[in-house]
Amino acid sequence: MEKILIQGASVVNGSGEKTFVADVAIVGDFIAEIGRISVNSDSFTQVVNARGLTLTPGFIDMHSHSDLLQMVKPEASAKIRQGITTELLGQDGLGLAPLPEDQVDSYRRHVSGLLGDPDVDWSWRTLPEYYACLEKAGTATNLAVLLSHGPLRMAVAGMDERALTPPEIARLCEMTATGLAEGAFGLSTGLIYPPCISADTAELTALTAEVAKTGGVFVVHVRNERGLVKESIGEIFDIARQTGVIPHISHLKVIGRENWGTSGDILALFDAAVAEGLDASFDQYPYPAGSTMLSALIPPHAHAGGPEQLIERLQDPEMRAQLAREMAEGLPGWENICTAAGWDEIYVTGIDSGPNKHWEERSLADIAVQLGTTPQAVVFDLLLQENLQVSMVNFSMSEADVAKILQHSCGMLGTDGLLLGKPHPRAYASTARILAKYVREKKVLTMEEAVARMTGRPARRLGLTDRGRIAIGAKADLVLFDAAQIAEGNSFADPCRHPQGIEYVFVNGVAAVSRGVETGALSGRVLRRGKR
């Protein structure tokens, strides 16, 4: 059994408590001792000199999109190299389990712009089968999985754009209860993405009542993050009040220049909710730009019936003209990213290997000029030519709002990292950006506050009592870094570079990064809620 001693580290234990200097002993996969620990030649198989370095619990990514790529790239370099040791999959209602048999091919195409389409045999149908596929591939990080509203809804109503009937809702609740019993950490939905967008409050209330019975979390991409963001968060809090479910808002933000400076109003909703007893929380990535599927620019009604029908509509001249008008002018209640960011601030970032890969890093406005067409036509044609597998980055937020949200005590880390093409830099460097820019340089957060939002808080949210903290008996998920030297190392122009200053990353007591170099260790585990 491996016995590792980390000597003289500045320990930030994940609780928010003050930093202290100590030695930390790892035995097997857990922390065995903290304090002044004497060394003799036979005591430890490895001794790490950590003087001048900071030791924290492993970082927890509360919003990961590694659901598919984890099976072909289990080393998870983008996450491990930034100190992330646990990821929460199944986000935005567009995860991969359970998966209805007759919807596999259609759903695979539908989520390709978000999760990619690597060479993976989609052999699973149930949540336990998906766990088994992840375990067979191996994993460098620990993986927790949410049930996803999208495939659950598809199993009872396909991609129909309508309210569900009571029998359909009952079936949905049965499947949700089964998935939760199989170890899911809760339920996610994405209320801007089909088919989740068609769910009414009654459907969500019935589903979350099942989640509340197990103490699971309800993770929500709300209906609108622009002008109706307060109402959209309010809907989720009202559901939580009625059912007792734990509400967690994904990638909290305020988009659209007309809404810049209103983050305080949004955070006041959380303050009021907590004051009345709701255990509300949110995750956030530390950048003023978002990223998602390019197809999210298309008005919701065009997605009805699934990807095949969307493609047919994008080929129809009359429908293209209608959609182009709606993308320019908006629709009531629709979160229109086209006008929130502007065509010159929406960039194509993720094209796997198709004929348009040379357009990566170019704005839709720029591409339209180069092709002598409109930005809307560029969107339509890219989606058609790339079989919908295109992602984007859009600059629609203010830096001041990002910093203000980052300070709130309900906040946690979520990279929301899409790993396609030339991705948003958040996929590779969110943790380093927080520690370098917002702790060391701008002093928006203290080191203790920043580490708590990336470790202890998310662990508590997920019920991971043995992770997210440096304590005797806790799992040895640890990060050792130089707080004076840590830096993002990447940019929007060059996003796939790893952070600087992270020296060691341990996952379940095994070094995945040693002296700044990946070891290739696959010591992560697929976690089940309620099981150690």
Protein backbone atom coordinates (compact mmCIF):
# COMPACT_ATOMS: atom_id res chain seq x y z
CA MET A 1 0.00 0.00 0.00
CA GLU A 2 1.27 3.44 -0.96
CA LYS A 3 2.12 5.78 1.89
CA ILE A 4 2.76 9.37 0.83
CA LEU A 5 3.85 12.28 3.00
CA ILE A 6 3.25 15.86 1.89
CA GLN A 7 5.56 18.01 4.02
CA GLY A 8 5.14 21.62 5.10
CA ALA A 9 2.22 22.66 2.91
CA SER A 10 0.02 25.69 3.41
CA VAL A 11 -3.24 23.80 3.91
CA VAL A 12 -6.55 25.29 2.76
CA ASN A 13 -8.90 22.60 3.96
CA GLY A 14 -12.02 23.41 1.94
CA SER A 15 -14.19 24.57 4.84
CA GLY A 16 -13.44 28.28 4.51
CA GLU A 17 -11.32 28.18 7.66
CA LYS A 18 -7.99 29.99 7.85
CA THR A 19 -4.96 28.52 6.09
CA PHE A 20 -2.48 26.63 8.29
CA VAL A 21 0.86 24.93 7.72
CA ALA A 22 0.98 21.17 8.22
CA ASP A 23 2.21 17.82 6.98
CA VAL A 24 -0.42 15.51 5.45
CA ALA A 25 -0.04 11.73 5.27
CA ILE A 26 -1.86 9.64 2.66
CA VAL A 27 -2.32 5.93 3.22
CA GLY A 28 -3.94 4.11 0.34
CA ASP A 29 -6.85 6.24 -0.83
CA PHE A 30 -7.47 8.29 2.29
CA ILE A 31 -5.90 10.98 4.46
CA ALA A 32 -4.44 9.27 7.53
CA GLU A 33 -2.78 12.08 9.48
CA ILE A 34 -2.49 15.88 9.57
CA GLY A 35 0.00 17.86 11.64
CA ARG A 36 3.71 17.57 12.36
CA ILE A 37 4.64 14.12 11.12
CA SER A 38 8.09 12.67 11.71
CA VAL A 39 9.77 10.78 8.89
CA ASN A 40 12.01 7.78 8.98
CA SER A 41 13.36 5.84 6.04
CA ASP A 42 10.72 3.12 6.17
CA SER A 43 7.63 5.18 6.94
CA PHE A 44 6.63 6.39 3.47
CA THR A 45 6.99 5.24 -0.12
CA GLN A 46 7.10 8.89 -1.26
CA VAL A 47 7.84 12.21 0.44
CA VAL A 48 6.78 15.44 -1.31
CA ASN A 49 8.43 18.68 -0.23
CA ALA A 50 5.52 21.14 -0.22
CA ARG A 51 7.14 24.09 1.52
CA GLY A 52 5.96 27.29 -0.14
CA LEU A 53 3.11 25.45 -1.89
CA THR A 54 -0.63 25.40 -1.20
CA LEU A 55 -2.49 22.15 -0.58
CA THR A 56 -6.26 21.99 -1.15
CA PRO A 57 -8.88 19.31 -1.64
CA GLY A 58 -9.37 18.25 -5.25
CA PHE A 59 -11.58 20.67 -7.15
CA ILE A 60 -15.14 19.59 -8.02
CA ASP A 61 -16.63 20.58 -11.37
CA MET A 62 -20.37 21.01 -10.81
CA HIS A 63 -21.09 21.38 -14.53
CA SER A 64 -19.17 19.02 -16.79
CA HIS A 65 -19.85 17.91 -20.35
CA SER A 66 -17.36 15.01 -20.43
CA ASP A 67 -20.16 12.44 -20.74
CA LEU A 68 -18.92 10.93 -24.03
CA LEU A 69 -15.32 12.07 -24.37
CA GLN A 70 -14.52 10.46 -21.03
CA MET A 71 -14.86 7.09 -22.76
CA VAL A 72 -12.26 7.86 -25.43
CA LYS A 73 -10.00 10.16 -23.41
CA PRO A 74 -10.25 8.77 -19.88
CA GLU A 75 -7.07 10.59 -18.84
CA ALA A 76 -9.23 13.76 -18.76
CA SER A 77 -6.23 16.02 -19.27
CA ALA A 78 -8.24 19.24 -19.50
CA LYS A 79 -9.71 18.61 -16.05
CA ILE A 80 -6.85 16.87 -14.24
CA ARG A 81 -4.28 19.49 -15.25
CA GLN A 82 -6.40 22.22 -13.62
CA GLY A 83 -6.81 20.21 -10.42
CA ILE A 84 -10.34 18.93 -10.99
CA THR A 85 -10.71 15.51 -9.39
CA THR A 86 -14.52 15.06 -9.52
CA GLU A 87 -16.96 15.92 -12.33
CA LEU A 88 -20.77 16.06 -12.35
CA LEU A 89 -22.13 14.69 -15.64
CA GLY A 90 -25.63 14.66 -17.16
CA GLN A 91 -26.07 18.43 -17.37
CA ASP A 92 -28.69 20.67 -19.02
CA GLY A 93 -31.16 17.79 -19.30
CA LEU A 94 -29.00 16.46 -22.14
CA GLY A 95 -27.04 13.66 -20.51
CA LEU A 96 -26.89 10.10 -21.71
CA ALA A 97 -28.89 7.89 -19.39
CA PRO A 98 -31.38 6.37 -19.32
CA LEU A 99 -31.66 6.27 -23.11
CA PRO A 100 -34.82 5.16 -24.97
CA GLU A 101 -34.06 2.35 -27.44
CA ASP A 102 -35.88 3.87 -30.40
CA GLN A 103 -34.33 7.33 -29.97
CA VAL A 104 -30.61 6.51 -29.88
CA ASP A 105 -29.61 7.65 -33.38
CA SER A 106 -31.72 10.79 -33.27
CA TYR A 107 -30.55 11.74 -29.78
CA ARG A 108 -26.91 11.13 -30.70
CA ARG A 109 -27.23 13.69 -33.46
CA HIS A 110 -29.20 16.06 -31.25
CA VAL A 111 -26.50 16.34 -28.56
CA SER A 112 -23.46 16.20 -30.86
CA GLY A 113 -23.01 19.98 -30.81
CA LEU A 114 -22.75 19.83 -27.01
CA LEU A 115 -21.06 16.51 -26.25
CA GLY A 116 -19.35 15.77 -29.56
CA ASP A 117 -19.70 12.53 -31.48
CA PRO A 118 -16.59 10.45 -30.77
CA ASP A 119 -16.25 6.86 -31.92
CA VAL A 120 -18.19 5.35 -29.03
CA ASP A 121 -20.51 2.37 -29.15
CA TRP A 122 -23.76 3.67 -27.65
CA SER A 123 -24.51 0.27 -26.14
CA TRP A 124 -26.02 1.42 -22.83
CA ARG A 125 -29.70 2.07 -22.24
CA THR A 126 -29.98 2.18 -18.44
CA LEU A 127 -28.03 4.19 -15.92
CA PRO A 128 -26.18 1.11 -14.55
CA GLU A 129 -25.17 0.20 -18.11
CA TYR A 130 -23.81 3.72 -18.61
CA TYR A 131 -21.85 3.42 -15.36
CA ALA A 132 -20.39 0.15 -16.66
CA CYS A 133 -19.25 1.80 -19.92
CA LEU A 134 -17.51 4.57 -17.98
CA GLU A 135 -15.85 2.04 -15.67
CA LYS A 136 -14.71 -0.12 -18.57
CA ALA A 137 -13.00 2.88 -20.19
CA GLY A 138 -11.36 3.89 -16.90
CA THR A 139 -11.24 7.44 -15.59
CA ALA A 140 -8.68 9.83 -14.17
CA THR A 141 -11.37 11.83 -12.37
CA ASN A 142 -14.21 10.72 -10.14
CA LEU A 143 -17.51 10.83 -12.03
CA ALA A 144 -20.92 11.56 -10.55
CA VAL A 145 -23.98 11.40 -12.81
CA LEU A 146 -27.31 13.24 -12.86
CA LEU A 147 -30.45 11.85 -14.44
CA SER A 148 -31.27 13.93 -17.49
CA HIS A 149 -34.75 15.25 -18.20
CA GLY A 150 -34.30 15.16 -22.00
CA PRO A 151 -33.93 11.42 -22.58
CA LEU A 152 -36.51 10.70 -19.88
CA ARG A 153 -39.04 12.90 -21.69
CA MET A 154 -38.12 11.42 -25.06
CA ALA A 155 -38.98 7.96 -23.71
CA VAL A 156 -42.60 8.99 -23.18
CA ALA A 157 -43.20 11.71 -25.81
CA GLY A 158 -40.27 11.80 -28.22
CA MET A 159 -39.42 15.35 -29.24
CA ASP A 160 -43.05 16.48 -29.19
CA GLU A 161 -43.49 20.18 -28.41
CA ARG A 162 -46.41 19.88 -25.97
CA ALA A 163 -47.45 19.41 -22.38
CA LEU A 164 -47.42 15.83 -21.15
CA THR A 165 -50.55 13.97 -20.14
CA PRO A 166 -51.00 12.74 -16.54
CA PRO A 167 -50.17 9.12 -17.51
CA GLU A 168 -47.01 10.33 -19.28
CA ILE A 169 -45.95 12.35 -16.25
CA ALA A 170 -46.58 9.30 -14.06
CA ARG A 171 -44.30 7.22 -16.29
CA LEU A 172 -41.68 9.96 -16.18
CA CYS A 173 -41.80 9.92 -12.37
CA GLU A 174 -41.42 6.12 -12.31
CA MET A 175 -38.27 6.31 -14.44
CA THR A 176 -36.92 9.14 -12.29
CA ALA A 177 -37.44 7.13 -9.10
CA THR A 178 -35.65 4.16 -10.69
CA GLY A 179 -32.66 6.26 -11.74
CA LEU A 180 -32.34 7.83 -8.32
CA ALA A 181 -32.42 4.39 -6.70
CA GLU A 182 -29.61 3.38 -9.07
CA GLY A 183 -27.32 6.08 -7.67
CA ALA A 184 -27.99 9.25 -9.64
CA PHE A 185 -27.17 12.41 -7.69
CA GLY A 186 -30.31 14.19 -8.79
CA LEU A 187 -32.03 15.44 -11.92
CA SER A 188 -30.97 18.03 -14.48
CA THR A 189 -33.01 19.96 -16.99
CA GLY A 190 -32.18 22.53 -19.65
CA LEU A 191 -35.20 24.72 -20.21
CA ILE A 192 -33.82 26.35 -23.37
CA TYR A 193 -33.10 22.99 -25.05
CA PRO A 194 -35.57 20.63 -26.71
CA PRO A 195 -37.25 18.52 -25.50
CA CYS A 196 -36.91 19.99 -21.99
CA ILE A 197 -38.10 23.40 -23.18
CA SER A 198 -41.60 21.98 -23.63
CA ALA A 199 -41.98 21.06 -19.96
CA ASP A 200 -44.45 23.12 -17.99
CA THR A 201 -44.25 23.87 -14.29
CA ALA A 202 -46.63 21.01 -13.46
CA GLU A 203 -44.31 18.49 -15.11
CA LEU A 204 -41.26 19.86 -13.32
CA THR A 205 -43.10 19.86 -10.00
CA ALA A 206 -44.06 16.21 -10.33
CA LEU A 207 -40.52 15.20 -11.27
CA THR A 208 -38.85 17.14 -8.50
CA ALA A 209 -41.19 15.69 -5.92
CA GLU A 210 -39.53 12.35 -6.71
CA VAL A 211 -36.08 13.90 -6.44
CA ALA A 212 -36.95 15.50 -3.09
CA LYS A 213 -37.83 12.09 -1.61
CA THR A 214 -34.17 11.03 -1.93
CA GLY A 215 -32.56 14.36 -1.00
CA GLY A 216 -31.15 14.69 -4.51
CA VAL A 217 -30.40 17.98 -6.21
CA PHE A 218 -32.38 19.64 -9.03
CA VAL A 219 -29.84 21.20 -11.44
CA VAL A 220 -31.41 23.69 -13.83
CA HIS A 221 -30.45 25.68 -16.88
CA VAL A 222 -33.29 28.17 -16.45
CA ARG A 223 -35.66 29.25 -19.22
CA ASN A 224 -34.12 32.67 -19.71
CA GLU A 225 -30.83 34.24 -18.59
CA ARG A 226 -31.58 37.58 -20.20
CA GLY A 227 -34.55 39.88 -19.56
CA LEU A 228 -36.61 37.21 -17.79
CA VAL A 229 -33.84 35.76 -15.65
CA LYS A 230 -35.47 36.79 -12.34
CA GLU A 231 -38.77 35.19 -13.33
CA SER A 232 -36.95 32.08 -14.56
CA ILE A 233 -35.07 31.58 -11.30
CA GLY A 234 -38.25 32.39 -9.41
CA GLU A 235 -40.03 29.52 -11.17
CA ILE A 236 -37.45 27.05 -9.88
CA PHE A 237 -37.52 28.45 -6.35
CA ASP A 238 -41.33 28.24 -6.32
CA ILE A 239 -41.10 24.58 -7.34
CA ALA A 240 -38.57 23.98 -4.57
CA ARG A 241 -40.85 25.60 -2.02
CA GLN A 242 -43.68 23.30 -3.08
CA THR A 243 -41.74 20.01 -3.30
CA GLY A 244 -38.82 20.47 -0.92
CA VAL A 245 -36.28 19.69 -3.64
CA ILE A 246 -32.79 21.24 -3.44
CA PRO A 247 -32.55 23.87 -6.23
CA HIS A 248 -29.24 24.45 -7.99
CA ILE A 249 -29.01 26.94 -10.86
CA SER A 250 -26.51 26.18 -13.61
CA HIS A 251 -23.92 28.74 -14.76
CA LEU A 252 -25.55 31.75 -13.12
CA LYS A 253 -25.21 34.82 -15.29
CA VAL A 254 -26.95 37.87 -16.70
CA ILE A 255 -26.71 38.17 -20.49
CA GLY A 256 -27.46 41.06 -22.82
CA ARG A 257 -25.86 44.50 -22.56
CA GLU A 258 -29.18 46.03 -21.51
CA ASN A 259 -29.04 43.87 -18.34
CA TRP A 260 -25.45 44.52 -17.34
CA GLY A 261 -25.15 45.70 -13.75
CA THR A 262 -28.25 43.83 -12.53
CA SER A 263 -26.44 40.85 -10.98
CA GLY A 264 -27.13 42.27 -7.51
CA ASP A 265 -30.86 41.90 -8.12
CA ILE A 266 -30.36 38.27 -9.14
CA LEU A 267 -28.22 37.50 -6.10
CA ALA A 268 -30.87 39.09 -3.87
CA LEU A 269 -33.20 36.27 -4.97
CA PHE A 270 -30.74 33.77 -3.50
CA ASP A 271 -30.39 35.77 -0.29
CA ALA A 272 -34.16 35.83 0.16
CA ALA A 273 -34.49 32.13 -0.65
CA VAL A 274 -31.81 31.15 1.84
CA ALA A 275 -33.32 33.43 4.49
CA GLU A 276 -36.63 31.59 4.20
CA GLY A 277 -34.94 28.19 4.45
CA LEU A 278 -34.35 27.08 0.85
CA ASP A 279 -30.97 25.37 0.42
CA ALA A 280 -30.42 27.18 -2.89
CA SER A 281 -27.11 27.26 -4.76
CA PHE A 282 -25.59 27.89 -8.18
CA ASP A 283 -22.46 27.21 -10.18
CA GLN A 284 -20.51 29.67 -12.32
CA TYR A 285 -17.61 29.77 -14.75
CA PRO A 286 -15.34 32.81 -14.32
CA TYR A 287 -15.58 34.35 -17.81
CA PRO A 288 -17.78 37.00 -19.51
CA ALA A 289 -18.48 34.70 -22.48
CA GLY A 290 -20.77 31.71 -22.76
CA SER A 291 -20.61 28.64 -24.97
CA THR A 292 -23.11 26.09 -26.24
CA MET A 293 -24.39 24.38 -29.38
CA LEU A 294 -24.69 26.63 -32.43
CA SER A 295 -28.21 25.22 -32.89
CA ALA A 296 -29.25 27.13 -29.74
CA LEU A 297 -29.38 30.23 -31.97
CA ILE A 298 -32.36 28.73 -33.80
CA PRO A 299 -35.82 29.59 -32.37
CA PRO A 300 -37.27 26.77 -30.27
CA HIS A 301 -40.22 25.91 -32.51
CA ALA A 302 -37.87 24.85 -35.31
CA HIS A 303 -36.53 22.01 -33.13
CA ALA A 304 -39.94 20.34 -32.68
CA GLY A 305 -39.87 16.69 -33.71
CA GLY A 306 -36.11 16.29 -33.35
CA PRO A 307 -32.96 16.87 -35.41
CA GLU A 308 -34.31 15.36 -38.63
CA GLN A 309 -37.19 17.84 -38.68
CA LEU A 310 -34.84 20.70 -37.80
CA ILE A 311 -32.66 19.83 -40.78
CA GLU A 312 -35.71 19.72 -43.07
CA ARG A 313 -36.76 23.17 -41.87
CA LEU A 314 -33.26 24.58 -42.44
CA GLN A 315 -33.49 23.37 -46.05
CA ASP A 316 -36.84 25.07 -46.68
CA PRO A 317 -36.48 28.61 -48.16
CA GLU A 318 -39.68 29.95 -46.60
CA MET A 319 -38.82 28.59 -43.17
CA ARG A 320 -35.26 29.95 -43.43
CA ALA A 321 -36.70 33.41 -44.14
CA GLN A 322 -39.05 33.16 -41.16
CA LEU A 323 -36.29 31.94 -38.81
CA ALA A 324 -33.93 34.67 -40.01
CA ARG A 325 -36.54 37.33 -39.12
CA GLU A 326 -37.14 35.78 -35.70
CA MET A 327 -33.40 35.62 -34.98
CA ALA A 328 -33.11 39.32 -35.82
CA GLU A 329 -36.26 40.48 -34.03
CA GLY A 330 -36.80 37.91 -31.27
CA LEU A 331 -39.86 36.05 -30.00
CA PRO A 332 -41.81 36.59 -26.77
CA GLY A 333 -40.13 34.77 -23.89
CA TRP A 334 -37.28 33.41 -26.03
CA GLU A 335 -33.72 33.94 -24.81
CA ASN A 336 -32.32 35.20 -28.11
CA ILE A 337 -28.53 34.89 -27.95
CA CYS A 338 -28.25 36.40 -31.44
CA THR A 339 -29.28 39.84 -30.20
CA ALA A 340 -27.94 39.40 -26.66
CA ALA A 341 -24.39 39.14 -27.98
CA GLY A 342 -24.54 40.44 -31.56
CA TRP A 343 -23.25 38.65 -34.64
CA ASP A 344 -19.76 40.09 -34.26
CA GLU A 345 -19.51 38.61 -30.74
CA ILE A 346 -20.57 35.04 -31.59
CA TYR A 347 -17.67 32.84 -32.68
CA VAL A 348 -17.62 29.36 -34.19
CA THR A 349 -15.39 27.24 -31.96
CA GLY A 350 -16.15 23.54 -32.27
CA ILE A 351 -16.20 21.71 -35.60
CA ASP A 352 -14.84 18.20 -35.30
CA SER A 353 -13.36 17.56 -38.75
CA GLY A 354 -15.91 18.76 -41.29
CA PRO A 355 -15.50 20.95 -44.38
CA ASN A 356 -15.93 24.17 -42.43
CA LYS A 357 -13.26 23.65 -39.79
CA HIS A 358 -11.31 26.62 -41.14
CA TRP A 359 -14.06 28.89 -39.81
CA GLU A 360 -13.19 28.10 -36.18
CA GLU A 361 -12.34 31.25 -34.19
CA ARG A 362 -14.20 33.45 -36.72
CA SER A 363 -17.28 35.46 -35.81
CA LEU A 364 -20.56 34.87 -37.59
CA ALA A 365 -20.44 38.47 -38.83
CA ASP A 366 -16.96 37.93 -40.27
CA ILE A 367 -17.90 34.64 -41.93
CA ALA A 368 -20.98 36.25 -43.45
CA VAL A 369 -18.86 39.03 -44.97
CA GLN A 370 -16.37 36.51 -46.34
CA LEU A 371 -19.15 34.47 -47.94
CA GLY A 372 -21.25 37.44 -49.07
CA THR A 373 -24.30 36.30 -47.13
CA THR A 374 -26.12 36.93 -43.83
CA PRO A 375 -25.12 35.67 -40.37
CA GLN A 376 -28.40 33.74 -40.19
CA ALA A 377 -27.59 31.94 -43.44
CA VAL A 378 -24.15 31.10 -42.06
CA VAL A 379 -25.79 29.47 -39.03
CA PHE A 380 -28.23 27.49 -41.17
CA ASP A 381 -25.57 26.28 -43.62
CA LEU A 382 -23.00 25.36 -40.98
CA LEU A 383 -25.57 23.25 -39.14
CA LEU A 384 -26.63 21.52 -42.35
CA GLN A 385 -23.13 20.88 -43.64
CA GLU A 386 -21.81 19.68 -40.27
CA ASN A 387 -24.82 17.55 -39.34
CA LEU A 388 -25.56 19.91 -36.40
CA GLN A 389 -22.18 19.21 -34.76
CA VAL A 390 -21.04 22.81 -34.23
CA SER A 391 -20.43 24.75 -31.03
CA MET A 392 -19.93 28.45 -30.39
CA VAL A 393 -18.69 31.08 -27.94
CA ASN A 394 -20.70 34.25 -27.36
CA PHE A 395 -19.60 37.39 -25.50
CA SER A 396 -22.76 38.63 -23.83
CA MET A 397 -21.85 39.33 -20.16
CA SER A 398 -20.04 42.03 -18.22
CA GLU A 399 -16.85 41.41 -16.27
CA ALA A 400 -18.23 43.35 -13.30
CA ASP A 401 -21.25 41.03 -13.04
CA VAL A 402 -19.00 37.97 -13.27
CA ALA A 403 -16.91 39.22 -10.34
CA LYS A 404 -19.94 40.15 -8.23
CA ILE A 405 -21.55 36.74 -8.72
CA LEU A 406 -18.23 35.07 -7.90
CA GLN A 407 -18.28 36.60 -4.42
CA HIS A 408 -21.62 35.14 -3.37
CA SER A 409 -21.67 32.42 -0.71
CA CYS A 410 -24.15 30.23 -2.65
CA GLY A 411 -21.71 29.90 -5.56
CA MET A 412 -19.68 26.90 -6.70
CA LEU A 413 -17.34 26.02 -9.55
CA GLY A 414 -18.77 24.81 -12.85
CA THR A 415 -16.56 24.82 -15.94
CA ASP A 416 -19.42 24.07 -18.38
CA GLY A 417 -16.51 22.97 -20.55
CA LEU A 418 -17.33 21.86 -24.09
CA LEU A 419 -14.29 20.01 -25.42
CA LEU A 420 -14.90 20.25 -29.16
CA GLY A 421 -12.62 21.89 -31.71
CA LYS A 422 -11.11 25.04 -30.26
CA PRO A 423 -13.24 25.31 -27.14
CA HIS A 424 -13.99 28.05 -24.67
CA PRO A 425 -10.89 28.36 -22.42
CA ARG A 426 -13.04 27.58 -19.37
CA ALA A 427 -12.72 23.89 -20.25
CA TYR A 428 -8.99 24.01 -19.48
CA ALA A 429 -8.39 26.80 -16.98
CA SER A 430 -11.41 27.82 -14.90
CA THR A 431 -9.78 26.94 -11.58
CA ALA A 432 -6.51 28.66 -12.41
CA ARG A 433 -8.36 31.80 -13.55
CA ILE A 434 -10.17 31.99 -10.21
CA LEU A 435 -6.96 31.50 -8.22
CA ALA A 436 -4.78 33.79 -10.33
CA LYS A 437 -7.09 36.58 -11.49
CA TYR A 438 -9.75 36.76 -8.79
CA VAL A 439 -7.71 35.74 -5.73
CA ARG A 440 -4.13 36.86 -6.28
CA GLU A 441 -4.52 39.78 -8.67
CA LYS A 442 -7.95 41.38 -8.13
CA LYS A 443 -8.54 40.10 -4.58
CA VAL A 444 -12.23 39.55 -5.34
CA LEU A 445 -12.02 36.40 -3.17
CA THR A 446 -9.71 35.22 -0.43
CA MET A 447 -7.90 31.96 -1.04
CA GLU A 448 -10.04 30.26 1.60
CA GLU A 449 -13.29 31.49 0.02
CA ALA A 450 -12.21 30.48 -3.48
CA VAL A 451 -11.18 26.98 -2.40
CA ALA A 452 -14.43 26.48 -0.46
CA ARG A 453 -16.51 27.28 -3.55
CA MET A 454 -14.49 24.73 -5.56
CA THR A 455 -14.33 21.94 -2.95
CA GLY A 456 -16.28 21.90 0.31
CA ARG A 457 -19.47 23.55 -0.97
CA PRO A 458 -19.95 21.30 -4.01
CA ALA A 459 -19.10 18.20 -1.97
CA ARG A 460 -21.80 19.12 0.53
CA ARG A 461 -24.26 19.85 -2.29
CA LEU A 462 -23.72 16.34 -3.68
CA GLY A 463 -23.63 14.59 -0.32
CA LEU A 464 -19.99 13.55 -0.79
CA THR A 465 -19.13 13.49 2.89
CA ASP A 466 -15.69 11.98 2.34
CA ARG A 467 -14.52 14.40 -0.37
CA GLY A 468 -14.08 18.15 -0.74
CA ARG A 469 -12.12 18.56 2.49
CA ILE A 470 -8.72 17.89 4.02
CA ALA A 471 -9.53 15.89 7.12
CA ILE A 472 -8.47 12.59 8.62
CA GLY A 473 -10.46 9.82 7.00
CA ALA A 474 -11.39 11.83 3.91
CA LYS A 475 -10.54 10.52 0.45
CA ALA A 476 -7.16 11.67 -0.74
CA ASP A 477 -8.28 13.89 -3.63
CA LEU A 478 -5.73 16.71 -3.35
CA VAL A 479 -4.16 19.53 -5.34
CA LEU A 480 -0.74 21.04 -4.59
CA PHE A 481 0.07 24.30 -6.38
CA ASP A 482 2.21 27.41 -6.24
CA ALA A 483 -0.19 30.23 -5.38
CA ALA A 484 2.33 32.84 -6.51
CA GLN A 485 2.83 31.26 -9.92
CA ILE A 486 -0.49 29.71 -10.86
CA ALA A 487 -1.79 31.13 -14.14
CA GLU A 488 -4.35 30.29 -16.79
CA GLY A 489 -1.83 29.64 -19.53
CA ASN A 490 -4.46 29.84 -22.27
CA SER A 491 -6.74 32.30 -24.05
CA PHE A 492 -9.73 32.39 -26.38
CA ALA A 493 -7.30 32.34 -29.30
CA ASP A 494 -5.29 29.44 -27.87
CA PRO A 495 -7.63 27.64 -25.46
CA CYS A 496 -6.17 24.12 -25.24
CA ARG A 497 -3.17 25.02 -23.10
CA HIS A 498 -2.95 23.83 -19.50
CA PRO A 499 -2.50 26.07 -16.44
CA GLN A 500 0.88 26.84 -14.94
CA GLY A 501 1.81 26.29 -11.31
CA ILE A 502 -0.06 23.07 -10.49
CA GLU A 503 2.56 20.63 -9.23
CA TYR A 504 0.63 17.60 -7.96
CA VAL A 505 -2.90 16.26 -8.31
CA PHE A 506 -3.90 13.16 -6.33
CA VAL A 507 -7.09 11.21 -7.05
CA ASN A 508 -7.97 8.59 -4.45
CA GLY A 509 -4.39 8.73 -3.20
CA VAL A 510 -2.73 8.22 -6.60
CA ALA A 511 -0.80 10.98 -8.37
CA ALA A 512 -2.43 11.91 -11.67
CA VAL A 513 -0.04 14.87 -11.95
CA SER A 514 3.45 14.67 -10.44
CA ARG A 515 5.90 17.58 -10.58
CA GLY A 516 3.69 19.24 -13.17
CA VAL A 517 3.55 16.23 -15.49
CA GLU A 518 0.62 13.89 -16.09
CA THR A 519 1.25 10.31 -14.99
CA GLY A 520 -1.55 8.68 -16.95
CA ALA A 521 -3.04 7.21 -13.78
CA LEU A 522 -6.73 6.25 -14.01
CA SER A 523 -7.51 6.10 -10.31
CA GLY A 524 -10.86 7.89 -10.47
CA ARG A 525 -14.13 6.15 -9.67
CA VAL A 526 -17.69 6.23 -10.93
CA LEU A 527 -19.59 7.38 -7.86
CA ARG A 528 -23.10 6.40 -6.83
CA ARG A 529 -25.12 8.60 -4.52
CA GLY A 530 -25.38 7.13 -1.04
CA LYS A 531 -22.53 4.67 -1.62
CA ARG A 532 -18.92 5.17 -0.59
